[in-house]
Amino acid sequence: MALADPQSIKINGTTTSLPRTSTGRQESVYTSADGTIKLTLSTAESRRKRQVVRVDVNKIAASVLNPSQNEEQSMSCYLVFDRPKVGYSNTEAKQVYDGFIEALQASSSVMVTKLLGSES
C-alpha cells in the first residue's frame, strides 16, 4: 500500500511537494516537479526483510576541475531497516528507530554534525 500522494520534504527551510511518480509491487517513488528531489520507499524480502526510505537530491554547482563551468552534483541520505522475517515485530523495530532518531537529534544533532565532519 502506497503512502499519501503527494508527500513533502523540508530541506533548508523550504518545503517541497513530491507527487508520486512511480509505484511497484513493493516500491513507491515521489519526485519534485523539477526532478531535483526524489523520495523512494521500498521493501525487499528474502531470508531477511529489508525496508529502505531514501532521499536523493541533485543540484547544479561549479565543477571541481573547471570552476568556470557548472555540473550536476548529487547526494543521498537513507535509512535501512534490516531484520529477520520473524523475531522483531513492527513495534519493536519502531522502538529501535525511535531510539536511533533520538540519539541522532540529541544536542542539536551534534552526532550527525560530527559524522559529517568525518569524526567517529
C-alpha atoms as a PDB file:
ATOM      1  CA  MET A   1       0.000   0.000   0.000  1.00  0.00           C
ATOM      2  CA  ALA A   2       1.417   3.378  -1.023  1.00  0.00           C
ATOM      3  CA  LEU A   3       1.660   6.469   1.149  1.00  0.00           C
ATOM      4  CA  ALA A   4      -0.491   9.553   0.621  1.00  0.00           C
ATOM      5  CA  ASP A   5       0.114  11.426  -2.623  1.00  0.00           C
ATOM      6  CA  PRO A   6       1.843  13.857  -2.625  1.00  0.00           C
ATOM      7  CA  GLN A   7       4.493  13.578   0.067  1.00  0.00           C
ATOM      8  CA  SER A   8       6.563  16.589   1.099  1.00  0.00           C
ATOM      9  CA  ILE A   9      10.050  17.225   2.428  1.00  0.00           C
ATOM     10  CA  LYS A  10      11.569  20.270   4.107  1.00  0.00           C
ATOM     11  CA  ILE A  11      15.220  20.922   3.243  1.00  0.00           C
ATOM     12  CA  ASN A  12      16.959  24.065   4.496  1.00  0.00           C
ATOM     13  CA  GLY A  13      13.643  25.636   5.474  1.00  0.00           C
ATOM     14  CA  THR A  14      11.986  25.060   2.097  1.00  0.00           C
ATOM     15  CA  THR A  15       9.135  22.566   1.845  1.00  0.00           C
ATOM     16  CA  THR A  16       8.903  20.774  -1.495  1.00  0.00           C
ATOM     17  CA  SER A  17       5.913  18.782  -2.727  1.00  0.00           C
ATOM     18  CA  LEU A  18       6.760  15.319  -4.025  1.00  0.00           C
ATOM     19  CA  PRO A  19       3.990  13.799  -6.138  1.00  0.00           C
ATOM     20  CA  ARG A  20       4.081  10.036  -6.667  1.00  0.00           C
ATOM     21  CA  THR A  21       5.821   9.285  -9.953  1.00  0.00           C
ATOM     22  CA  SER A  22       6.111   5.511  -9.754  1.00  0.00           C
ATOM     23  CA  THR A  23       4.714   2.551  -7.862  1.00  0.00           C
ATOM     24  CA  GLY A  24       5.705  -1.048  -7.989  1.00  0.00           C
ATOM     25  CA  ARG A  25       4.807  -4.113  -6.007  1.00  0.00           C
ATOM     26  CA  GLN A  26       6.932  -3.074  -3.029  1.00  0.00           C
ATOM     27  CA  GLU A  27       8.252   0.357  -4.024  1.00  0.00           C
ATOM     28  CA  SER A  28       6.962   3.895  -4.422  1.00  0.00           C
ATOM     29  CA  VAL A  29       8.841   6.895  -5.797  1.00  0.00           C
ATOM     30  CA  TYR A  30       7.918  10.535  -5.182  1.00  0.00           C
ATOM     31  CA  THR A  31       9.672  13.238  -7.233  1.00  0.00           C
ATOM     32  CA  SER A  32       9.697  17.041  -7.155  1.00  0.00           C
ATOM     33  CA  ALA A  33       8.362  18.884 -10.193  1.00  0.00           C
ATOM     34  CA  ASP A  34      11.871  19.954 -11.236  1.00  0.00           C
ATOM     35  CA  GLY A  35      13.277  16.453 -10.685  1.00  0.00           C
ATOM     36  CA  THR A  36      15.906  17.574  -8.176  1.00  0.00           C
ATOM     37  CA  ILE A  37      14.474  15.684  -5.180  1.00  0.00           C
ATOM     38  CA  LYS A  38      13.372  12.052  -5.149  1.00  0.00           C
ATOM     39  CA  LEU A  39      11.950  10.083  -2.214  1.00  0.00           C
ATOM     40  CA  THR A  40      11.935   6.294  -2.540  1.00  0.00           C
ATOM     41  CA  LEU A  41      10.348   3.796  -0.146  1.00  0.00           C
ATOM     42  CA  SER A  42      10.919   0.107  -0.781  1.00  0.00           C
ATOM     43  CA  THR A  43      10.750  -3.343   0.774  1.00  0.00           C
ATOM     44  CA  ALA A  44      12.759  -6.382  -0.289  1.00  0.00           C
ATOM     45  CA  GLU A  45      12.248  -9.819   1.215  1.00  0.00           C
ATOM     46  CA  SER A  46      14.382 -12.927   1.005  1.00  0.00           C
ATOM     47  CA  ARG A  47      15.807 -14.560   4.131  1.00  0.00           C
ATOM     48  CA  ARG A  48      15.539 -11.123   5.797  1.00  0.00           C
ATOM     49  CA  LYS A  49      13.213  -8.171   5.397  1.00  0.00           C
ATOM     50  CA  ARG A  50      14.954  -5.011   4.187  1.00  0.00           C
ATOM     51  CA  GLN A  51      12.975  -1.758   4.161  1.00  0.00           C
ATOM     52  CA  VAL A  52      14.520   1.470   2.886  1.00  0.00           C
ATOM     53  CA  VAL A  53      13.477   5.115   2.829  1.00  0.00           C
ATOM     54  CA  ARG A  54      15.859   7.158   0.665  1.00  0.00           C
ATOM     55  CA  VAL A  55      16.133  10.783  -0.417  1.00  0.00           C
ATOM     56  CA  ASP A  56      18.212  11.673  -3.479  1.00  0.00           C
ATOM     57  CA  VAL A  57      18.966  15.355  -4.114  1.00  0.00           C
ATOM     58  CA  ASN A  58      20.589  16.904  -7.199  1.00  0.00           C
ATOM     59  CA  LYS A  59      21.874  20.429  -7.739  1.00  0.00           C
ATOM     60  CA  ILE A  60      23.964  22.398 -10.198  1.00  0.00           C
ATOM     61  CA  ALA A  61      27.303  23.572  -8.778  1.00  0.00           C
ATOM     62  CA  ALA A  62      30.677  24.755 -10.028  1.00  0.00           C
ATOM     63  CA  SER A  63      32.846  21.996 -11.448  1.00  0.00           C
ATOM     64  CA  VAL A  64      35.691  20.905  -9.195  1.00  0.00           C
ATOM     65  CA  LEU A  65      38.063  20.606 -12.163  1.00  0.00           C
ATOM     66  CA  ASN A  66      36.853  23.715 -14.006  1.00  0.00           C
ATOM     67  CA  PRO A  67      35.159  26.208 -11.640  1.00  0.00           C
ATOM     68  CA  SER A  68      34.033  28.377 -14.557  1.00  0.00           C
ATOM     69  CA  GLN A  69      31.703  25.562 -15.648  1.00  0.00           C
ATOM     70  CA  ASN A  70      28.720  24.115 -13.801  1.00  0.00           C
ATOM     71  CA  GLU A  71      27.838  20.452 -13.464  1.00  0.00           C
ATOM     72  CA  GLU A  72      25.221  18.364 -11.738  1.00  0.00           C
ATOM     73  CA  GLN A  73      26.089  17.122  -8.255  1.00  0.00           C
ATOM     74  CA  SER A  74      24.055  14.618  -6.248  1.00  0.00           C
ATOM     75  CA  MET A  75      23.803  13.157  -2.764  1.00  0.00           C
ATOM     76  CA  SER A  76      21.649  10.606  -0.984  1.00  0.00           C
ATOM     77  CA  CYS A  77      20.510  10.055   2.577  1.00  0.00           C
ATOM     78  CA  TYR A  78      18.757   6.865   3.578  1.00  0.00           C
ATOM     79  CA  LEU A  79      17.564   4.756   6.457  1.00  0.00           C
ATOM     80  CA  VAL A  80      17.558   0.960   6.271  1.00  0.00           C
ATOM     81  CA  PHE A  81      15.672  -1.488   8.456  1.00  0.00           C
ATOM     82  CA  ASP A  82      17.335  -4.894   8.069  1.00  0.00           C
ATOM     83  CA  ARG A  83      15.705  -7.561  10.207  1.00  0.00           C
ATOM     84  CA  PRO A  84      14.782 -11.225  10.154  1.00  0.00           C
ATOM     85  CA  LYS A  85      11.355 -12.114   8.819  1.00  0.00           C
ATOM     86  CA  VAL A  86      10.388 -13.255  12.313  1.00  0.00           C
ATOM     87  CA  GLY A  87      11.693 -12.271  15.722  1.00  0.00           C
ATOM     88  CA  TYR A  88      11.277  -8.484  15.595  1.00  0.00           C
ATOM     89  CA  SER A  89       7.767  -7.081  15.408  1.00  0.00           C
ATOM     90  CA  ASN A  90       6.955  -3.791  13.662  1.00  0.00           C
ATOM     91  CA  THR A  91       6.507  -2.275  17.140  1.00  0.00           C
ATOM     92  CA  GLU A  92       9.966  -3.409  18.251  1.00  0.00           C
ATOM     93  CA  ALA A  93      11.546  -2.135  15.026  1.00  0.00           C
ATOM     94  CA  LYS A  94       9.807   1.225  15.549  1.00  0.00           C
ATOM     95  CA  GLN A  95      11.177   1.360  19.122  1.00  0.00           C
ATOM     96  CA  VAL A  96      14.717   0.852  17.802  1.00  0.00           C
ATOM     97  CA  TYR A  97      14.079   3.576  15.200  1.00  0.00           C
ATOM     98  CA  ASP A  98      12.800   5.969  17.898  1.00  0.00           C
ATOM     99  CA  GLY A  99      15.978   5.465  19.938  1.00  0.00           C
ATOM    100  CA  PHE A 100      18.149   5.863  16.848  1.00  0.00           C
ATOM    101  CA  ILE A 101      16.474   9.134  15.813  1.00  0.00           C
ATOM    102  CA  GLU A 102      16.594  10.446  19.385  1.00  0.00           C
ATOM    103  CA  ALA A 103      20.358   9.786  19.512  1.00  0.00           C
ATOM    104  CA  LEU A 104      20.864  11.494  16.135  1.00  0.00           C
ATOM    105  CA  GLN A 105      18.837  14.561  17.137  1.00  0.00           C
ATOM    106  CA  ALA A 106      20.304  14.948  20.651  1.00  0.00           C
ATOM    107  CA  SER A 107      22.088  18.251  21.360  1.00  0.00           C
ATOM    108  CA  SER A 108      21.053  19.840  18.049  1.00  0.00           C
ATOM    109  CA  SER A 109      22.107  16.783  16.028  1.00  0.00           C
ATOM    110  CA  VAL A 110      25.717  17.015  17.199  1.00  0.00           C
ATOM    111  CA  MET A 111      26.324  13.335  16.309  1.00  0.00           C
ATOM    112  CA  VAL A 112      25.350  13.951  12.675  1.00  0.00           C
ATOM    113  CA  THR A 113      27.425  17.145  12.540  1.00  0.00           C
ATOM    114  CA  LYS A 114      30.464  15.267  13.851  1.00  0.00           C
ATOM    115  CA  LEU A 115      29.864  12.347  11.486  1.00  0.00           C
ATOM    116  CA  LEU A 116      29.665  14.722   8.505  1.00  0.00           C
ATOM    117  CA  GLY A 117      32.960  16.184   9.748  1.00  0.00           C
ATOM    118  CA  SER A 118      34.447  12.651   9.496  1.00  0.00           C
ATOM    119  CA  GLU A 119      34.530  12.112  13.256  1.00  0.00           C
ATOM    120  CA  SER A 120      33.636   8.763  14.756  1.00  0.00           C
END
